[in-house]
Amino acid sequence: ADRIQAQDEQICSQNEVIKKLKEDIEKVIRNMQDMMIRSLGLNNITANGTES
């Protein structure tokens, strides 16, 4: 029973790590998307020669 308990705890902690990683990855992706959108916005400004 102890071994099963230990395996359960290991699986739980691995799941926590995975959940945290997924959240971090989603944050990074959102930041990258924001940066891309901003740089596209800057490109539009220079292409048009006008600032919005």
N, C-alpha and C. Protein backbone atom coordinates (compact mmCIF):
# COMPACT_ATOMS: atom_id res chain seq x y z
N ALA A 1 0.84 -1.20 0.00
CA ALA A 1 0.00 0.00 0.00
C ALA A 1 0.88 1.25 0.00
N ASP A 2 1.98 1.18 0.72
CA ASP A 2 2.87 2.34 0.79
C ASP A 2 3.43 2.69 -0.58
N ARG A 3 3.76 1.63 -1.35
CA ARG A 3 4.34 1.89 -2.67
C ARG A 3 3.33 2.56 -3.59
N ILE A 4 2.09 2.08 -3.51
CA ILE A 4 1.03 2.68 -4.32
C ILE A 4 0.82 4.13 -3.92
N GLN A 5 0.82 4.38 -2.62
CA GLN A 5 0.68 5.75 -2.10
C GLN A 5 1.79 6.64 -2.64
N ALA A 6 3.02 6.12 -2.59
CA ALA A 6 4.17 6.89 -3.07
C ALA A 6 4.03 7.19 -4.56
N GLN A 7 3.59 6.20 -5.33
CA GLN A 7 3.39 6.39 -6.76
C GLN A 7 2.31 7.44 -7.02
N ASP A 8 1.23 7.37 -6.24
CA ASP A 8 0.15 8.35 -6.36
C ASP A 8 0.68 9.76 -6.13
N GLU A 9 1.48 9.92 -5.08
CA GLU A 9 2.02 11.24 -4.75
C GLU A 9 2.95 11.73 -5.85
N GLN A 10 3.73 10.81 -6.42
CA GLN A 10 4.64 11.17 -7.50
C GLN A 10 3.84 11.64 -8.71
N ILE A 11 2.79 10.89 -9.05
CA ILE A 11 1.95 11.26 -10.20
C ILE A 11 1.30 12.61 -9.96
N CYS A 12 0.81 12.83 -8.75
CA CYS A 12 0.18 14.11 -8.41
C CYS A 12 1.16 15.26 -8.58
N SER A 13 2.38 15.09 -8.07
CA SER A 13 3.34 16.17 -8.16
C SER A 13 3.77 16.40 -9.61
N GLN A 14 3.86 15.32 -10.40
CA GLN A 14 4.18 15.47 -11.82
C GLN A 14 3.08 16.24 -12.53
N ASN A 15 1.82 15.92 -12.19
CA ASN A 15 0.69 16.63 -12.80
C ASN A 15 0.73 18.12 -12.45
N GLU A 16 1.10 18.43 -11.20
CA GLU A 16 1.22 19.83 -10.79
C GLU A 16 2.28 20.54 -11.62
N VAL A 17 3.42 19.87 -11.81
CA VAL A 17 4.51 20.46 -12.60
C VAL A 17 4.03 20.70 -14.03
N ILE A 18 3.35 19.72 -14.60
CA ILE A 18 2.85 19.83 -15.97
C ILE A 18 1.86 20.99 -16.08
N LYS A 19 0.97 21.10 -15.10
CA LYS A 19 -0.02 22.18 -15.11
C LYS A 19 0.67 23.54 -15.08
N LYS A 20 1.69 23.64 -14.21
CA LYS A 20 2.43 24.90 -14.08
C LYS A 20 3.15 25.23 -15.39
N LEU A 21 3.77 24.22 -16.00
CA LEU A 21 4.47 24.42 -17.27
C LEU A 21 3.51 24.91 -18.35
N LYS A 22 2.33 24.27 -18.41
CA LYS A 22 1.35 24.67 -19.42
C LYS A 22 0.93 26.11 -19.22
N GLU A 23 0.74 26.52 -17.96
CA GLU A 23 0.37 27.91 -17.68
C GLU A 23 1.49 28.86 -18.11
N ASP A 24 2.73 28.49 -17.80
CA ASP A 24 3.88 29.32 -18.18
C ASP A 24 3.97 29.44 -19.70
N ILE A 25 3.80 28.31 -20.39
CA ILE A 25 3.87 28.30 -21.86
C ILE A 25 2.79 29.20 -22.45
N GLU A 26 1.58 29.10 -21.90
CA GLU A 26 0.49 29.94 -22.39
C GLU A 26 0.81 31.42 -22.21
N LYS A 27 1.42 31.77 -21.06
CA LYS A 27 1.82 33.16 -20.81
C LYS A 27 2.84 33.61 -21.85
N VAL A 28 3.84 32.76 -22.11
CA VAL A 28 4.89 33.10 -23.08
C VAL A 28 4.26 33.31 -24.46
N ILE A 29 3.35 32.41 -24.84
CA ILE A 29 2.69 32.53 -26.15
C ILE A 29 1.91 33.83 -26.24
N ARG A 30 1.18 34.17 -25.17
CA ARG A 30 0.41 35.43 -25.18
C ARG A 30 1.34 36.62 -25.32
N ASN A 31 2.47 36.60 -24.60
CA ASN A 31 3.43 37.70 -24.69
C ASN A 31 3.99 37.81 -26.10
N MET A 32 4.31 36.67 -26.72
CA MET A 32 4.83 36.68 -28.08
C MET A 32 3.80 37.23 -29.05
N GLN A 33 2.53 36.83 -28.87
CA GLN A 33 1.47 37.33 -29.74
C GLN A 33 1.34 38.85 -29.59
N ASP A 34 1.39 39.33 -28.35
CA ASP A 34 1.32 40.77 -28.11
C ASP A 34 2.46 41.49 -28.81
N MET A 35 3.68 40.94 -28.69
CA MET A 35 4.84 41.56 -29.32
C MET A 35 4.69 41.58 -30.83
N MET A 36 4.20 40.48 -31.40
CA MET A 36 4.00 40.40 -32.85
C MET A 36 2.98 41.43 -33.30
N ILE A 37 1.87 41.53 -32.55
CA ILE A 37 0.83 42.49 -32.90
C ILE A 37 1.38 43.91 -32.83
N ARG A 38 2.17 44.20 -31.78
CA ARG A 38 2.75 45.54 -31.64
C ARG A 38 3.70 45.84 -32.79
N SER A 39 4.55 44.87 -33.14
CA SER A 39 5.51 45.13 -34.21
C SER A 39 4.79 45.26 -35.56
N LEU A 40 3.70 44.52 -35.75
CA LEU A 40 2.89 44.70 -36.96
C LEU A 40 2.31 46.10 -36.98
N GLY A 41 1.85 46.56 -35.83
CA GLY A 41 1.31 47.92 -35.73
C GLY A 41 2.36 48.95 -36.09
N LEU A 42 3.58 48.76 -35.62
CA LEU A 42 4.67 49.69 -35.93
C LEU A 42 4.98 49.65 -37.42
N ASN A 43 4.96 48.46 -38.02
CA ASN A 43 5.21 48.33 -39.45
C ASN A 43 4.16 49.09 -40.25
N ASN A 44 2.90 49.00 -39.80
CA ASN A 44 1.83 49.71 -40.49
C ASN A 44 2.05 51.21 -40.44
N ILE A 45 2.50 51.69 -39.28
CA ILE A 45 2.74 53.13 -39.12
C ILE A 45 3.81 53.58 -40.10
N THR A 46 4.92 52.86 -40.19
CA THR A 46 6.02 53.28 -41.06
C THR A 46 5.64 53.13 -42.52
N ALA A 47 4.85 52.11 -42.84
CA ALA A 47 4.43 51.89 -44.23
C ALA A 47 3.53 53.03 -44.70
N ASN A 48 2.63 53.47 -43.83
CA ASN A 48 1.70 54.54 -44.20
C ASN A 48 2.34 55.92 -44.07
N GLY A 49 3.40 56.00 -43.28
CA GLY A 49 4.03 57.28 -43.04
C GLY A 49 3.24 58.13 -42.06
N THR A 50 2.21 57.55 -41.47
CA THR A 50 1.41 58.29 -40.49
C THR A 50 1.34 57.51 -39.20
N GLU A 51 1.19 58.22 -38.11
CA GLU A 51 1.05 57.56 -36.82
C GLU A 51 -0.41 57.56 -36.41
N SER A 52 -0.84 56.46 -35.80
CA SER A 52 -2.23 56.40 -35.35
C SER A 52 -2.32 56.89 -33.92
